[in-house]
Amino acid sequence: MYAISLGDDGAELSPLEPWQAEDFLAHIDRGREFIGQHNGLPDVVTDLASSRAFLQAYADRTAADTGRIYGIRTEGTLVGAVIFRRMDVAQGTAEAGCWLEPSAAGKGLVTRAVRTIVDWAVEQRGIHRVEWVVSAENAPSIAVARRLGMTKDGVLRESYLYRGKRHDEEVWSVLAPEWRAGRAAAGAASSH
């Protein structure tokens, strides 16, 4: 299997597939409470069968070209993931998402991983708009959107019922021309 380096710290990004369900479940178990603060995944992936089913659903989306899932590994250990929850190549739209277990938080892994998949979506798949939908209470995820140069489109008031409480969701996005301009500016700054 292939992996893409996420930098000098040895972190890597690689596809997650159904045969990795045991590893994926162990990762969710390590981060269950932390991940579950804003993400319903720990309520869905509760045992080996549900872990395999979740990864199979993404394998099916990959095959249909309607979504993707990639694991973030540090020193070979699965510590998080980035996804395209949905991808519509004909419309040129995609929605990205992420999660990490606590040991991996605060190291820039999600920002680097999302940058990698957005580059791929824009440059290889012709995606024009990448969205980031986040709980208004999830400050670290909002910070990722800002670091990636996304624009806050608006707030969907009380749109997400999660664990018995209604939450506001923020919608952030970046358009392909903005993404390319931001990447060019970052490249120009690093070459000086």
N, C-alpha and C. Protein backbone atom coordinates (compact mmCIF):
# COMPACT_ATOMS: atom_id res chain seq x y z
N MET A 1 0.85 -1.17 0.00
CA MET A 1 0.00 0.00 0.00
C MET A 1 0.90 1.24 0.00
N TYR A 2 0.41 2.31 -0.57
CA TYR A 2 1.18 3.54 -0.64
C TYR A 2 0.84 4.47 0.51
N ALA A 3 1.77 5.35 0.81
CA ALA A 3 1.55 6.38 1.83
C ALA A 3 2.21 7.66 1.33
N ILE A 4 1.61 8.78 1.69
CA ILE A 4 2.14 10.09 1.33
C ILE A 4 2.68 10.73 2.60
N SER A 5 3.91 11.20 2.56
CA SER A 5 4.50 11.86 3.72
C SER A 5 3.78 13.17 4.00
N LEU A 6 3.56 13.44 5.29
CA LEU A 6 2.95 14.70 5.70
C LEU A 6 3.98 15.65 6.30
N GLY A 7 5.26 15.31 6.15
CA GLY A 7 6.30 16.21 6.66
C GLY A 7 7.44 15.48 7.31
N ASP A 8 8.30 16.25 7.96
CA ASP A 8 9.55 15.72 8.52
C ASP A 8 9.35 14.91 9.80
N ASP A 9 8.15 14.94 10.37
CA ASP A 9 7.92 14.24 11.63
C ASP A 9 7.53 12.77 11.45
N GLY A 10 7.56 12.27 10.21
CA GLY A 10 7.25 10.86 9.95
C GLY A 10 5.77 10.56 9.79
N ALA A 11 4.92 11.57 9.90
CA ALA A 11 3.48 11.34 9.73
C ALA A 11 3.19 11.03 8.26
N GLU A 12 2.22 10.14 8.06
CA GLU A 12 1.86 9.72 6.71
C GLU A 12 0.36 9.65 6.53
N LEU A 13 -0.05 9.78 5.28
CA LEU A 13 -1.45 9.69 4.89
C LEU A 13 -1.58 8.53 3.92
N SER A 14 -2.56 7.65 4.16
CA SER A 14 -2.77 6.52 3.25
C SER A 14 -4.23 6.10 3.30
N PRO A 15 -4.71 5.44 2.23
CA PRO A 15 -6.11 5.01 2.20
C PRO A 15 -6.43 4.06 3.35
N LEU A 16 -7.64 4.14 3.85
CA LEU A 16 -8.15 3.17 4.83
C LEU A 16 -9.11 2.26 4.09
N GLU A 17 -8.96 0.95 4.32
CA GLU A 17 -9.76 -0.04 3.61
C GLU A 17 -10.37 -1.03 4.60
N PRO A 18 -11.42 -1.75 4.19
CA PRO A 18 -12.12 -2.65 5.11
C PRO A 18 -11.23 -3.67 5.82
N TRP A 19 -10.17 -4.13 5.17
CA TRP A 19 -9.30 -5.12 5.81
C TRP A 19 -8.57 -4.54 7.02
N GLN A 20 -8.61 -3.22 7.19
CA GLN A 20 -7.95 -2.57 8.33
C GLN A 20 -8.93 -2.28 9.47
N ALA A 21 -10.07 -2.97 9.48
CA ALA A 21 -11.13 -2.69 10.46
C ALA A 21 -10.66 -2.86 11.90
N GLU A 22 -9.82 -3.83 12.18
CA GLU A 22 -9.34 -4.04 13.54
C GLU A 22 -8.50 -2.85 14.01
N ASP A 23 -7.59 -2.41 13.17
CA ASP A 23 -6.74 -1.26 13.45
C ASP A 23 -7.60 0.00 13.61
N PHE A 24 -8.61 0.15 12.76
CA PHE A 24 -9.49 1.32 12.81
C PHE A 24 -10.29 1.32 14.12
N LEU A 25 -10.81 0.16 14.52
CA LEU A 25 -11.56 0.06 15.78
C LEU A 25 -10.66 0.41 16.97
N ALA A 26 -9.44 -0.08 16.96
CA ALA A 26 -8.51 0.22 18.06
C ALA A 26 -8.26 1.73 18.14
N HIS A 27 -8.11 2.37 16.99
CA HIS A 27 -7.93 3.83 16.93
C HIS A 27 -9.16 4.54 17.51
N ILE A 28 -10.34 4.15 17.09
CA ILE A 28 -11.57 4.79 17.61
C ILE A 28 -11.67 4.56 19.12
N ASP A 29 -11.36 3.35 19.58
CA ASP A 29 -11.41 3.07 21.01
C ASP A 29 -10.45 3.98 21.80
N ARG A 30 -9.26 4.21 21.27
CA ARG A 30 -8.29 5.08 21.96
C ARG A 30 -8.80 6.52 22.05
N GLY A 31 -9.56 6.95 21.05
CA GLY A 31 -10.01 8.34 21.02
C GLY A 31 -11.50 8.53 21.21
N ARG A 32 -12.20 7.48 21.61
CA ARG A 32 -13.66 7.48 21.61
C ARG A 32 -14.27 8.73 22.27
N GLU A 33 -13.87 9.06 23.47
CA GLU A 33 -14.46 10.20 24.18
C GLU A 33 -14.07 11.53 23.51
N PHE A 34 -12.81 11.66 23.15
CA PHE A 34 -12.30 12.89 22.53
C PHE A 34 -12.95 13.12 21.17
N ILE A 35 -12.96 12.10 20.33
CA ILE A 35 -13.55 12.20 18.99
C ILE A 35 -15.05 12.51 19.11
N GLY A 36 -15.69 11.87 20.08
CA GLY A 36 -17.13 12.00 20.24
C GLY A 36 -17.62 13.35 20.75
N GLN A 37 -16.71 14.26 21.08
CA GLN A 37 -17.13 15.59 21.52
C GLN A 37 -17.96 16.29 20.44
N HIS A 38 -17.58 16.13 19.17
CA HIS A 38 -18.24 16.84 18.07
C HIS A 38 -18.58 15.94 16.90
N ASN A 39 -18.25 14.65 16.99
CA ASN A 39 -18.35 13.75 15.85
C ASN A 39 -19.09 12.49 16.28
N GLY A 40 -20.11 12.11 15.52
CA GLY A 40 -20.90 10.93 15.86
C GLY A 40 -20.25 9.60 15.55
N LEU A 41 -19.06 9.60 14.98
CA LEU A 41 -18.40 8.36 14.58
C LEU A 41 -18.28 7.32 15.71
N PRO A 42 -17.89 7.72 16.93
CA PRO A 42 -17.79 6.71 17.99
C PRO A 42 -19.11 6.03 18.33
N ASP A 43 -20.23 6.66 18.00
CA ASP A 43 -21.53 6.04 18.22
C ASP A 43 -21.86 5.04 17.11
N VAL A 44 -21.16 5.14 15.99
CA VAL A 44 -21.39 4.28 14.82
C VAL A 44 -20.42 3.09 14.83
N VAL A 45 -19.15 3.36 15.14
CA VAL A 45 -18.11 2.33 15.14
C VAL A 45 -17.92 1.85 16.58
N THR A 46 -18.59 0.73 16.90
CA THR A 46 -18.62 0.24 18.28
C THR A 46 -18.00 -1.14 18.44
N ASP A 47 -17.84 -1.87 17.34
CA ASP A 47 -17.26 -3.21 17.38
C ASP A 47 -16.64 -3.50 16.01
N LEU A 48 -16.06 -4.69 15.87
CA LEU A 48 -15.36 -5.02 14.63
C LEU A 48 -16.28 -5.01 13.42
N ALA A 49 -17.50 -5.52 13.56
CA ALA A 49 -18.43 -5.56 12.43
C ALA A 49 -18.81 -4.15 11.97
N SER A 50 -19.07 -3.25 12.92
CA SER A 50 -19.45 -1.88 12.54
C SER A 50 -18.24 -1.12 12.00
N SER A 51 -17.04 -1.44 12.49
CA SER A 51 -15.82 -0.83 11.96
C SER A 51 -15.63 -1.23 10.50
N ARG A 52 -15.79 -2.53 10.23
CA ARG A 52 -15.65 -3.04 8.86
C ARG A 52 -16.74 -2.42 7.96
N ALA A 53 -17.96 -2.33 8.46
CA ALA A 53 -19.07 -1.78 7.67
C ALA A 53 -18.81 -0.30 7.33
N PHE A 54 -18.28 0.46 8.30
CA PHE A 54 -17.98 1.87 8.05
C PHE A 54 -16.92 2.00 6.96
N LEU A 55 -15.85 1.22 7.07
CA LEU A 55 -14.78 1.28 6.06
C LEU A 55 -15.28 0.76 4.72
N GLN A 56 -16.16 -0.23 4.72
CA GLN A 56 -16.73 -0.74 3.46
C GLN A 56 -17.59 0.32 2.79
N ALA A 57 -18.34 1.08 3.58
CA ALA A 57 -19.15 2.16 3.01
C ALA A 57 -18.25 3.16 2.29
N TYR A 58 -17.09 3.47 2.87
CA TYR A 58 -16.17 4.38 2.19
C TYR A 58 -15.48 3.70 1.01
N ALA A 59 -15.23 2.41 1.07
CA ALA A 59 -14.69 1.69 -0.10
C ALA A 59 -15.69 1.77 -1.24
N ASP A 60 -16.98 1.65 -0.92
CA ASP A 60 -18.02 1.76 -1.95
C ASP A 60 -18.07 3.18 -2.51
N ARG A 61 -17.94 4.18 -1.64
CA ARG A 61 -17.91 5.57 -2.12
C ARG A 61 -16.69 5.81 -3.01
N THR A 62 -15.56 5.25 -2.63
CA THR A 62 -14.36 5.40 -3.45
C THR A 62 -14.59 4.78 -4.83
N ALA A 63 -15.16 3.58 -4.84
CA ALA A 63 -15.44 2.90 -6.12
C ALA A 63 -16.41 3.70 -6.97
N ALA A 64 -17.37 4.37 -6.33
CA ALA A 64 -18.38 5.17 -7.05
C ALA A 64 -17.90 6.60 -7.31
N ASP A 65 -16.70 6.92 -6.80
CA ASP A 65 -16.12 8.26 -6.95
C ASP A 65 -16.99 9.33 -6.27
N THR A 66 -17.56 8.97 -5.11
CA THR A 66 -18.43 9.90 -4.38
C THR A 66 -17.92 10.20 -2.96
N GLY A 67 -16.74 9.70 -2.61
CA GLY A 67 -16.17 9.96 -1.29
C GLY A 67 -14.84 9.22 -1.15
N ARG A 68 -14.11 9.54 -0.08
CA ARG A 68 -12.81 8.92 0.18
C ARG A 68 -12.54 8.97 1.68
N ILE A 69 -11.69 8.05 2.16
CA ILE A 69 -11.19 8.09 3.52
C ILE A 69 -9.70 7.76 3.52
N TYR A 70 -8.94 8.56 4.27
CA TYR A 70 -7.49 8.37 4.37
C TYR A 70 -7.09 8.41 5.84
N GLY A 71 -6.27 7.46 6.24
CA GLY A 71 -5.78 7.42 7.61
C GLY A 71 -4.53 8.27 7.78
N ILE A 72 -4.43 8.89 8.96
CA ILE A 72 -3.23 9.62 9.35
C ILE A 72 -2.49 8.71 10.33
N ARG A 73 -1.23 8.42 10.00
CA ARG A 73 -0.42 7.55 10.87
C ARG A 73 0.83 8.29 11.33
N THR A 74 1.17 8.06 12.58
CA THR A 74 2.46 8.53 13.09
C THR A 74 3.19 7.30 13.61
N GLU A 75 4.42 7.12 13.15
CA GLU A 75 5.24 5.95 13.50
C GLU A 75 4.46 4.65 13.30
N GLY A 76 3.68 4.61 12.22
CA GLY A 76 2.94 3.41 11.86
C GLY A 76 1.61 3.23 12.56
N THR A 77 1.30 4.06 13.55
CA THR A 77 0.06 3.93 14.31
C THR A 77 -1.02 4.85 13.74
N LEU A 78 -2.19 4.30 13.51
CA LEU A 78 -3.32 5.09 13.03
C LEU A 78 -3.79 6.01 14.15
N VAL A 79 -3.75 7.33 13.91
CA VAL A 79 -4.10 8.31 14.95
C VAL A 79 -5.25 9.23 14.53
N GLY A 80 -5.69 9.14 13.28
CA GLY A 80 -6.76 10.01 12.82
C GLY A 80 -7.09 9.72 11.37
N ALA A 81 -8.00 10.52 10.84
CA ALA A 81 -8.39 10.34 9.44
C ALA A 81 -8.93 11.64 8.88
N VAL A 82 -8.82 11.75 7.57
CA VAL A 82 -9.48 12.83 6.82
C VAL A 82 -10.34 12.15 5.76
N ILE A 83 -11.46 12.80 5.46
CA ILE A 83 -12.42 12.19 4.55
C ILE A 83 -12.97 13.22 3.57
N PHE A 84 -13.44 12.71 2.46
CA PHE A 84 -14.41 13.44 1.67
C PHE A 84 -15.73 12.74 1.98
N ARG A 85 -16.55 13.36 2.82
CA ARG A 85 -17.84 12.78 3.20
C ARG A 85 -18.69 12.59 1.96
N ARG A 86 -18.59 13.55 1.07
CA ARG A 86 -19.29 13.44 -0.21
C ARG A 86 -18.43 14.15 -1.25
N MET A 87 -18.59 13.69 -2.47
CA MET A 87 -17.85 14.27 -3.59
C MET A 87 -18.73 14.12 -4.82
N ASP A 88 -18.98 15.24 -5.51
CA ASP A 88 -19.78 15.23 -6.72
C ASP A 88 -18.91 15.84 -7.82
N VAL A 89 -18.25 14.98 -8.57
CA VAL A 89 -17.31 15.44 -9.59
C VAL A 89 -18.03 16.23 -10.68
N ALA A 90 -19.23 15.79 -11.06
CA ALA A 90 -19.99 16.50 -12.11
C ALA A 90 -20.29 17.93 -11.68
N GLN A 91 -20.67 18.13 -10.41
CA GLN A 91 -20.96 19.46 -9.89
C GLN A 91 -19.70 20.19 -9.45
N GLY A 92 -18.60 19.44 -9.27
CA GLY A 92 -17.35 20.05 -8.83
C GLY A 92 -17.36 20.45 -7.37
N THR A 93 -18.07 19.67 -6.53
CA THR A 93 -18.15 19.98 -5.10
C THR A 93 -17.73 18.78 -4.26
N ALA A 94 -17.21 19.08 -3.08
CA ALA A 94 -16.84 18.03 -2.13
C ALA A 94 -16.94 18.61 -0.72
N GLU A 95 -17.18 17.72 0.25
CA GLU A 95 -17.16 18.12 1.65
C GLU A 95 -16.10 17.32 2.37
N ALA A 96 -15.14 18.01 2.95
CA ALA A 96 -14.06 17.37 3.68
C ALA A 96 -14.40 17.32 5.17
N GLY A 97 -13.79 16.38 5.88
CA GLY A 97 -13.96 16.26 7.32
C GLY A 97 -12.76 15.57 7.92
N CYS A 98 -12.76 15.45 9.26
CA CYS A 98 -11.59 14.88 9.93
C CYS A 98 -11.91 14.44 11.35
N TRP A 99 -10.99 13.73 11.95
CA TRP A 99 -10.97 13.48 13.39
C TRP A 99 -9.58 12.99 13.76
N LEU A 100 -9.25 13.13 15.03
CA LEU A 100 -7.97 12.67 15.58
C LEU A 100 -8.21 12.09 16.96
N GLU A 101 -7.33 11.17 17.37
CA GLU A 101 -7.35 10.78 18.77
C GLU A 101 -6.49 11.80 19.54
N PRO A 102 -6.67 11.90 20.85
CA PRO A 102 -6.05 13.00 21.62
C PRO A 102 -4.52 13.07 21.49
N SER A 103 -3.85 11.93 21.38
CA SER A 103 -2.38 11.93 21.33
C SER A 103 -1.85 12.67 20.10
N ALA A 104 -2.67 12.81 19.08
CA ALA A 104 -2.22 13.42 17.82
C ALA A 104 -2.65 14.88 17.66
N ALA A 105 -3.46 15.38 18.59
CA ALA A 105 -3.99 16.74 18.47
C ALA A 105 -2.89 17.78 18.68
N GLY A 106 -3.07 18.93 18.01
CA GLY A 106 -2.17 20.06 18.22
C GLY A 106 -0.84 19.99 17.50
N LYS A 107 -0.70 19.08 16.54
CA LYS A 107 0.57 18.92 15.82
C LYS A 107 0.48 19.34 14.36
N GLY A 108 -0.66 19.87 13.95
CA GLY A 108 -0.83 20.29 12.57
C GLY A 108 -1.11 19.16 11.60
N LEU A 109 -1.38 17.96 12.11
CA LEU A 109 -1.59 16.81 11.23
C LEU A 109 -2.82 16.96 10.35
N VAL A 110 -3.93 17.43 10.92
CA VAL A 110 -5.15 17.57 10.12
C VAL A 110 -4.96 18.62 9.05
N THR A 111 -4.36 19.76 9.39
CA THR A 111 -4.15 20.81 8.39
C THR A 111 -3.32 20.27 7.23
N ARG A 112 -2.23 19.56 7.54
CA ARG A 112 -1.38 19.01 6.48
C ARG A 112 -2.11 17.95 5.67
N ALA A 113 -2.87 17.10 6.34
CA ALA A 113 -3.59 16.03 5.64
C ALA A 113 -4.70 16.58 4.75
N VAL A 114 -5.47 17.55 5.27
CA VAL A 114 -6.54 18.13 4.46
C VAL A 114 -5.95 18.90 3.29
N ARG A 115 -4.84 19.59 3.51
CA ARG A 115 -4.18 20.29 2.40
C ARG A 115 -3.85 19.29 1.28
N THR A 116 -3.38 18.11 1.65
CA THR A 116 -3.01 17.09 0.68
C THR A 116 -4.23 16.62 -0.12
N ILE A 117 -5.34 16.34 0.57
CA ILE A 117 -6.50 15.82 -0.16
C ILE A 117 -7.21 16.92 -0.95
N VAL A 118 -7.19 18.16 -0.46
CA VAL A 118 -7.80 19.24 -1.24
C VAL A 118 -6.97 19.50 -2.50
N ASP A 119 -5.65 19.47 -2.38
CA ASP A 119 -4.80 19.60 -3.58
C ASP A 119 -5.18 18.55 -4.61
N TRP A 120 -5.33 17.31 -4.16
CA TRP A 120 -5.70 16.22 -5.07
C TRP A 120 -7.07 16.48 -5.69
N ALA A 121 -8.04 16.86 -4.88
CA ALA A 121 -9.40 17.07 -5.39
C ALA A 121 -9.44 18.19 -6.42
N VAL A 122 -8.75 19.29 -6.13
CA VAL A 122 -8.76 20.45 -7.03
C VAL A 122 -7.95 20.15 -8.30
N GLU A 123 -6.74 19.66 -8.13
CA GLU A 123 -5.83 19.50 -9.27
C GLU A 123 -6.05 18.23 -10.09
N GLN A 124 -6.44 17.14 -9.43
CA GLN A 124 -6.59 15.87 -10.15
C GLN A 124 -8.05 15.58 -10.54
N ARG A 125 -8.99 16.00 -9.69
CA ARG A 125 -10.38 15.63 -9.92
C ARG A 125 -11.22 16.80 -10.42
N GLY A 126 -10.65 18.00 -10.47
CA GLY A 126 -11.38 19.14 -11.00
C GLY A 126 -12.46 19.68 -10.07
N ILE A 127 -12.31 19.44 -8.77
CA ILE A 127 -13.28 19.95 -7.80
C ILE A 127 -13.13 21.47 -7.72
N HIS A 128 -14.23 22.18 -7.78
CA HIS A 128 -14.24 23.65 -7.75
C HIS A 128 -14.46 24.20 -6.35
N ARG A 129 -15.27 23.52 -5.54
CA ARG A 129 -15.62 24.01 -4.19
C ARG A 129 -15.46 22.88 -3.18
N VAL A 130 -14.66 23.13 -2.15
CA VAL A 130 -14.51 22.18 -1.05
C VAL A 130 -15.12 22.82 0.19
N GLU A 131 -16.06 22.12 0.79
CA GLU A 131 -16.73 22.61 2.00
C GLU A 131 -16.17 21.93 3.25
N TRP A 132 -16.33 22.63 4.35
CA TRP A 132 -15.92 22.15 5.68
C TRP A 132 -17.09 22.50 6.59
N VAL A 133 -17.85 21.51 7.05
CA VAL A 133 -19.01 21.74 7.92
C VAL A 133 -18.61 21.31 9.33
N VAL A 134 -18.74 22.26 10.28
CA VAL A 134 -18.18 22.03 11.60
C VAL A 134 -19.12 22.56 12.68
N SER A 135 -19.16 21.87 13.80
CA SER A 135 -19.91 22.37 14.95
C SER A 135 -19.35 23.73 15.34
N ALA A 136 -20.24 24.69 15.60
CA ALA A 136 -19.80 26.03 15.99
C ALA A 136 -19.02 26.01 17.30
N GLU A 137 -19.09 24.90 18.03
CA GLU A 137 -18.37 24.76 19.31
C GLU A 137 -17.00 24.10 19.13
N ASN A 138 -16.66 23.69 17.92
CA ASN A 138 -15.41 22.95 17.69
C ASN A 138 -14.31 23.91 17.23
N ALA A 139 -13.73 24.63 18.17
CA ALA A 139 -12.71 25.64 17.86
C ALA A 139 -11.50 25.09 17.10
N PRO A 140 -10.96 23.91 17.46
CA PRO A 140 -9.80 23.41 16.71
C PRO A 140 -10.12 23.16 15.23
N SER A 141 -11.31 22.65 14.93
CA SER A 141 -11.68 22.39 13.54
C SER A 141 -11.91 23.69 12.77
N ILE A 142 -12.47 24.69 13.44
CA ILE A 142 -12.64 26.01 12.82
C ILE A 142 -11.27 26.62 12.53
N ALA A 143 -10.32 26.41 13.43
CA ALA A 143 -8.95 26.91 13.20
C ALA A 143 -8.32 26.25 11.97
N VAL A 144 -8.61 24.97 11.73
CA VAL A 144 -8.11 24.30 10.53
C VAL A 144 -8.66 24.99 9.29
N ALA A 145 -9.96 25.26 9.28
CA ALA A 145 -10.58 25.93 8.13
C ALA A 145 -9.88 27.26 7.86
N ARG A 146 -9.62 28.01 8.91
CA ARG A 146 -8.93 29.31 8.75
C ARG A 146 -7.52 29.12 8.20
N ARG A 147 -6.77 28.15 8.77
CA ARG A 147 -5.38 27.91 8.30
C ARG A 147 -5.36 27.50 6.83
N LEU A 148 -6.43 26.84 6.38
CA LEU A 148 -6.49 26.39 4.99
C LEU A 148 -6.98 27.50 4.05
N GLY A 149 -7.27 28.67 4.60
CA GLY A 149 -7.69 29.79 3.76
C GLY A 149 -9.15 29.72 3.35
N MET A 150 -9.94 28.99 4.10
CA MET A 150 -11.37 28.88 3.78
C MET A 150 -12.11 30.13 4.25
N THR A 151 -13.26 30.36 3.66
CA THR A 151 -14.14 31.47 4.00
C THR A 151 -15.36 30.92 4.71
N LYS A 152 -15.77 31.59 5.78
CA LYS A 152 -16.98 31.19 6.48
C LYS A 152 -18.19 31.66 5.68
N ASP A 153 -18.95 30.69 5.16
CA ASP A 153 -20.13 31.00 4.35
C ASP A 153 -21.32 31.37 5.22
N GLY A 154 -21.43 30.76 6.39
CA GLY A 154 -22.56 31.06 7.24
C GLY A 154 -22.75 30.04 8.34
N VAL A 155 -23.81 30.20 9.10
CA VAL A 155 -24.14 29.33 10.22
C VAL A 155 -25.51 28.70 9.96
N LEU A 156 -25.56 27.39 10.09
CA LEU A 156 -26.83 26.66 10.02
C LEU A 156 -27.29 26.50 11.47
N ARG A 157 -28.23 27.35 11.86
CA ARG A 157 -28.65 27.39 13.26
C ARG A 157 -29.36 26.11 13.68
N GLU A 158 -28.88 25.54 14.79
CA GLU A 158 -29.48 24.35 15.39
C GLU A 158 -29.78 23.26 14.37
N SER A 159 -28.87 23.08 13.42
CA SER A 159 -29.12 22.13 12.33
C SER A 159 -28.69 20.71 12.64
N TYR A 160 -27.90 20.52 13.69
CA TYR A 160 -27.32 19.21 13.95
C TYR A 160 -27.78 18.72 15.33
N LEU A 161 -28.63 17.70 15.33
CA LEU A 161 -29.08 17.08 16.58
C LEU A 161 -28.06 16.01 16.93
N TYR A 162 -27.37 16.21 18.05
CA TYR A 162 -26.31 15.29 18.44
C TYR A 162 -26.41 15.01 19.92
N ARG A 163 -26.61 13.75 20.24
CA ARG A 163 -26.72 13.30 21.63
C ARG A 163 -27.74 14.13 22.41
N GLY A 164 -28.89 14.35 21.77
CA GLY A 164 -30.01 14.99 22.42
C GLY A 164 -29.97 16.51 22.49
N LYS A 165 -28.96 17.12 21.89
CA LYS A 165 -28.85 18.58 21.91
C LYS A 165 -28.71 19.11 20.48
N ARG A 166 -29.35 20.24 20.20
CA ARG A 166 -29.22 20.87 18.88
C ARG A 166 -27.99 21.77 18.87
N HIS A 167 -27.19 21.64 17.83
CA HIS A 167 -25.95 22.41 17.67
C HIS A 167 -26.01 23.23 16.40
N ASP A 168 -25.43 24.42 16.46
CA ASP A 168 -25.21 25.21 15.25
C ASP A 168 -24.04 24.60 14.49
N GLU A 169 -24.13 24.64 13.18
CA GLU A 169 -23.01 24.21 12.33
C GLU A 169 -22.56 25.39 11.49
N GLU A 170 -21.25 25.54 11.37
CA GLU A 170 -20.69 26.55 10.48
C GLU A 170 -20.30 25.87 9.17
N VAL A 171 -20.54 26.57 8.07
CA VAL A 171 -20.11 26.08 6.76
C VAL A 171 -18.98 26.99 6.29
N TRP A 172 -17.85 26.38 6.02
CA TRP A 172 -16.67 27.06 5.48
C TRP A 172 -16.41 26.47 4.11
N SER A 173 -15.77 27.23 3.23
CA SER A 173 -15.45 26.69 1.91
C SER A 173 -14.25 27.39 1.31
N VAL A 174 -13.67 26.72 0.34
CA VAL A 174 -12.63 27.33 -0.48
C VAL A 174 -12.92 26.93 -1.93
N LEU A 175 -12.77 27.89 -2.83
CA LEU A 175 -12.98 27.66 -4.26
C LEU A 175 -11.63 27.41 -4.92
N ALA A 176 -11.64 26.65 -5.99
CA ALA A 176 -10.39 26.26 -6.66
C ALA A 176 -9.48 27.45 -6.97
N PRO A 177 -9.98 28.57 -7.53
CA PRO A 177 -9.08 29.69 -7.80
C PRO A 177 -8.45 30.27 -6.52
N GLU A 178 -9.23 30.31 -5.44
CA GLU A 178 -8.70 30.79 -4.16
C GLU A 178 -7.64 29.83 -3.63
N TRP A 179 -7.91 28.54 -3.76
CA TRP A 179 -6.98 27.51 -3.29
C TRP A 179 -5.65 27.64 -4.03
N ARG A 180 -5.73 27.75 -5.35
CA ARG A 180 -4.51 27.86 -6.15
C ARG A 180 -3.73 29.14 -5.81
N ALA A 181 -4.45 30.24 -5.63
CA ALA A 181 -3.79 31.51 -5.28
C ALA A 181 -3.12 31.40 -3.92
N GLY A 182 -3.78 30.77 -2.97
CA GLY A 182 -3.19 30.59 -1.64
C GLY A 182 -1.97 29.71 -1.69
N ARG A 183 -2.02 28.65 -2.48
CA ARG A 183 -0.86 27.74 -2.61
C ARG A 183 0.30 28.47 -3.29
N ALA A 184 -0.01 29.27 -4.32
CA ALA A 184 1.04 30.02 -5.02
C ALA A 184 1.69 31.02 -4.08
N ALA A 185 0.88 31.71 -3.28
CA ALA A 185 1.40 32.69 -2.33
C ALA A 185 2.29 32.02 -1.27
N ALA A 186 1.85 30.86 -0.80
CA ALA A 186 2.64 30.10 0.20
C ALA A 186 3.96 29.64 -0.40
N GLY A 187 3.90 29.20 -1.67
CA GLY A 187 5.13 28.77 -2.36
C GLY A 187 6.09 29.91 -2.57
N ALA A 188 5.57 31.09 -2.95
CA ALA A 188 6.41 32.27 -3.16
C ALA A 188 7.04 32.72 -1.84
N ALA A 189 6.28 32.65 -0.76
CA ALA A 189 6.81 33.06 0.55
C ALA A 189 7.90 32.12 1.02
N SER A 190 7.77 30.83 0.74
CA SER A 190 8.77 29.87 1.23
C SER A 190 10.04 29.87 0.37
N SER A 191 9.98 30.45 -0.84
CA SER A 191 11.16 30.47 -1.70
C SER A 191 12.00 31.73 -1.49
N HIS A 192 11.55 32.63 -0.61
CA HIS A 192 12.32 33.85 -0.35
C HIS A 192 13.20 33.70 0.86
